[in-house]
Amino acid sequence: MAAQHQEFDALASLDERIHKAFVLVSELRTENATLREEAENLRGENKALHTSNEAALQEAAEARAQTEKLAGEIEALRAEKKQVRTRIEKLLGNIDQLHTG
């Protein structure tokens, strides 16, 4: 009878370990599915951020080009202003000479 009791205890212990393993496998499968879904969501976010980053880099490049163009225009306007000022000063000098002469 003691041998039967030990076999029963061994079977009960084995049954308990199998049940625990089954529960653990179920939990791990659920966790795995959750992690896969999270990974897929993160891949989507990463792709969206990458696309957004590329758009921002393109906008920055366009802004730099526009800034360079405007800087060139400003420089040209300053040179033109200087020429106009020089001409006006020359004309005023000529007018002064006409009045004094």
C-alpha atoms as a PDB file:
ATOM      1  CA  MET A   1       0.000   0.000   0.000  1.00  0.00           C
ATOM      2  CA  ALA A   2       2.879   2.347   0.709  1.00  0.00           C
ATOM      3  CA  ALA A   3       4.171   1.725  -2.819  1.00  0.00           C
ATOM      4  CA  GLN A   4       0.768   2.644  -4.269  1.00  0.00           C
ATOM      5  CA  HIS A   5       0.652   5.787  -2.163  1.00  0.00           C
ATOM      6  CA  GLN A   6       4.127   6.775  -3.403  1.00  0.00           C
ATOM      7  CA  GLU A   7       3.073   6.144  -7.017  1.00  0.00           C
ATOM      8  CA  PHE A   8      -0.064   8.206  -6.451  1.00  0.00           C
ATOM      9  CA  ASP A   9       1.999  11.014  -4.914  1.00  0.00           C
ATOM     10  CA  ALA A  10       4.444  10.816  -7.830  1.00  0.00           C
ATOM     11  CA  LEU A  11       1.568  10.940 -10.346  1.00  0.00           C
ATOM     12  CA  ALA A  12      -0.085  13.790  -8.471  1.00  0.00           C
ATOM     13  CA  SER A  13       3.225  15.647  -8.393  1.00  0.00           C
ATOM     14  CA  LEU A  14       3.729  14.991 -12.113  1.00  0.00           C
ATOM     15  CA  ASP A  15       0.179  16.103 -12.847  1.00  0.00           C
ATOM     16  CA  GLU A  16       0.737  19.288 -10.845  1.00  0.00           C
ATOM     17  CA  ARG A  17       4.008  20.027 -12.689  1.00  0.00           C
ATOM     18  CA  ILE A  18       2.327  19.400 -16.063  1.00  0.00           C
ATOM     19  CA  HIS A  19      -0.518  21.751 -15.092  1.00  0.00           C
ATOM     20  CA  LYS A  20       1.964  24.440 -13.999  1.00  0.00           C
ATOM     21  CA  ALA A  21       3.894  23.997 -17.259  1.00  0.00           C
ATOM     22  CA  PHE A  22       0.641  24.306 -19.231  1.00  0.00           C
ATOM     23  CA  VAL A  23      -0.290  27.496 -17.368  1.00  0.00           C
ATOM     24  CA  LEU A  24       3.203  28.896 -17.865  1.00  0.00           C
ATOM     25  CA  VAL A  25       3.145  28.100 -21.603  1.00  0.00           C
ATOM     26  CA  SER A  26      -0.274  29.770 -21.905  1.00  0.00           C
ATOM     27  CA  GLU A  27       0.974  32.877 -20.092  1.00  0.00           C
ATOM     28  CA  LEU A  28       4.108  32.984 -22.231  1.00  0.00           C
ATOM     29  CA  ARG A  29       2.058  32.670 -25.432  1.00  0.00           C
ATOM     30  CA  THR A  30      -0.165  35.535 -24.319  1.00  0.00           C
ATOM     31  CA  GLU A  31       2.861  37.647 -23.409  1.00  0.00           C
ATOM     32  CA  ASN A  32       4.521  36.744 -26.727  1.00  0.00           C
ATOM     33  CA  ALA A  33       1.419  37.829 -28.663  1.00  0.00           C
ATOM     34  CA  THR A  34       1.307  41.090 -26.717  1.00  0.00           C
ATOM     35  CA  LEU A  35       4.999  41.739 -27.364  1.00  0.00           C
ATOM     36  CA  ARG A  36       4.601  40.972 -31.076  1.00  0.00           C
ATOM     37  CA  GLU A  37       1.715  43.427 -31.296  1.00  0.00           C
ATOM     38  CA  GLU A  38       3.718  46.048 -29.420  1.00  0.00           C
ATOM     39  CA  ALA A  39       6.701  45.459 -31.703  1.00  0.00           C
ATOM     40  CA  GLU A  40       4.476  45.908 -34.767  1.00  0.00           C
ATOM     41  CA  ASN A  41       3.081  49.146 -33.330  1.00  0.00           C
ATOM     42  CA  LEU A  42       6.600  50.393 -32.640  1.00  0.00           C
ATOM     43  CA  ARG A  43       7.646  49.527 -36.202  1.00  0.00           C
ATOM     44  CA  GLY A  44       4.732  51.622 -37.459  1.00  0.00           C
ATOM     45  CA  GLU A  45       5.674  54.523 -35.200  1.00  0.00           C
ATOM     46  CA  ASN A  46       9.298  54.229 -36.285  1.00  0.00           C
ATOM     47  CA  LYS A  47       8.296  54.325 -39.948  1.00  0.00           C
ATOM     48  CA  ALA A  48       6.070  57.364 -39.349  1.00  0.00           C
ATOM     49  CA  LEU A  49       8.853  59.164 -37.482  1.00  0.00           C
ATOM     50  CA  HIS A  50      11.323  58.312 -40.239  1.00  0.00           C
ATOM     51  CA  THR A  51       8.951  59.728 -42.854  1.00  0.00           C
ATOM     52  CA  SER A  52       8.373  62.829 -40.727  1.00  0.00           C
ATOM     53  CA  ASN A  53      12.122  63.245 -40.244  1.00  0.00           C
ATOM     54  CA  GLU A  54      12.723  63.029 -43.989  1.00  0.00           C
ATOM     55  CA  ALA A  55      10.054  65.680 -44.591  1.00  0.00           C
ATOM     56  CA  ALA A  56      11.619  67.934 -41.944  1.00  0.00           C
ATOM     57  CA  LEU A  57      15.061  67.519 -43.514  1.00  0.00           C
ATOM     58  CA  GLN A  58      13.618  68.410 -46.921  1.00  0.00           C
ATOM     59  CA  GLU A  59      11.934  71.503 -45.467  1.00  0.00           C
ATOM     60  CA  ALA A  60      15.183  72.524 -43.781  1.00  0.00           C
ATOM     61  CA  ALA A  61      17.093  72.168 -47.048  1.00  0.00           C
ATOM     62  CA  GLU A  62      14.489  74.278 -48.847  1.00  0.00           C
ATOM     63  CA  ALA A  63      14.620  76.902 -46.089  1.00  0.00           C
ATOM     64  CA  ARG A  64      18.437  77.022 -46.347  1.00  0.00           C
ATOM     65  CA  ALA A  65      18.227  77.500 -50.101  1.00  0.00           C
ATOM     66  CA  GLN A  66      15.627  80.261 -49.671  1.00  0.00           C
ATOM     67  CA  THR A  67      17.782  81.936 -47.016  1.00  0.00           C
ATOM     68  CA  GLU A  68      20.804  81.886 -49.293  1.00  0.00           C
ATOM     69  CA  LYS A  69      18.729  83.328 -52.136  1.00  0.00           C
ATOM     70  CA  LEU A  70      17.380  86.108 -49.909  1.00  0.00           C
ATOM     71  CA  ALA A  71      20.847  86.870 -48.557  1.00  0.00           C
ATOM     72  CA  GLY A  72      22.044  87.304 -52.145  1.00  0.00           C
ATOM     73  CA  GLU A  73      19.117  89.607 -52.912  1.00  0.00           C
ATOM     74  CA  ILE A  74      19.845  91.690 -49.791  1.00  0.00           C
ATOM     75  CA  GLU A  75      23.474  92.013 -50.793  1.00  0.00           C
ATOM     76  CA  ALA A  76      22.456  93.115 -54.294  1.00  0.00           C
ATOM     77  CA  LEU A  77      20.033  95.685 -52.853  1.00  0.00           C
ATOM     78  CA  ARG A  78      22.728  97.062 -50.549  1.00  0.00           C
ATOM     79  CA  ALA A  79      25.097  97.469 -53.489  1.00  0.00           C
ATOM     80  CA  GLU A  80      22.344  99.179 -55.493  1.00  0.00           C
ATOM     81  CA  LYS A  81      21.558 101.453 -52.539  1.00  0.00           C
ATOM     82  CA  LYS A  82      25.217 102.416 -52.307  1.00  0.00           C
ATOM     83  CA  GLN A  83      25.305 103.249 -56.030  1.00  0.00           C
ATOM     84  CA  VAL A  84      22.120 105.339 -55.750  1.00  0.00           C
ATOM     85  CA  ARG A  85      23.510 107.191 -52.745  1.00  0.00           C
ATOM     86  CA  THR A  86      26.750 107.903 -54.608  1.00  0.00           C
ATOM     87  CA  ARG A  87      24.808 109.235 -57.637  1.00  0.00           C
ATOM     88  CA  ILE A  88      22.577 111.413 -55.447  1.00  0.00           C
ATOM     89  CA  GLU A  89      25.580 112.828 -53.609  1.00  0.00           C
ATOM     90  CA  LYS A  90      27.214 113.548 -56.972  1.00  0.00           C
ATOM     91  CA  LEU A  91      24.043 115.232 -58.278  1.00  0.00           C
ATOM     92  CA  LEU A  92      23.709 117.290 -55.089  1.00  0.00           C
ATOM     93  CA  GLY A  93      27.330 118.310 -55.469  1.00  0.00           C
ATOM     94  CA  ASN A  94      26.640 119.390 -59.054  1.00  0.00           C
ATOM     95  CA  ILE A  95      23.549 121.341 -57.938  1.00  0.00           C
ATOM     96  CA  ASP A  96      25.600 123.055 -55.249  1.00  0.00           C
ATOM     97  CA  GLN A  97      28.196 124.033 -57.852  1.00  0.00           C
ATOM     98  CA  LEU A  98      25.476 125.495 -60.076  1.00  0.00           C
ATOM     99  CA  HIS A  99      24.179 127.619 -57.212  1.00  0.00           C
ATOM    100  CA  THR A 100      27.629 128.814 -56.203  1.00  0.00           C
ATOM    101  CA  GLY A 101      28.911 129.207 -59.681  1.00  0.00           C
END
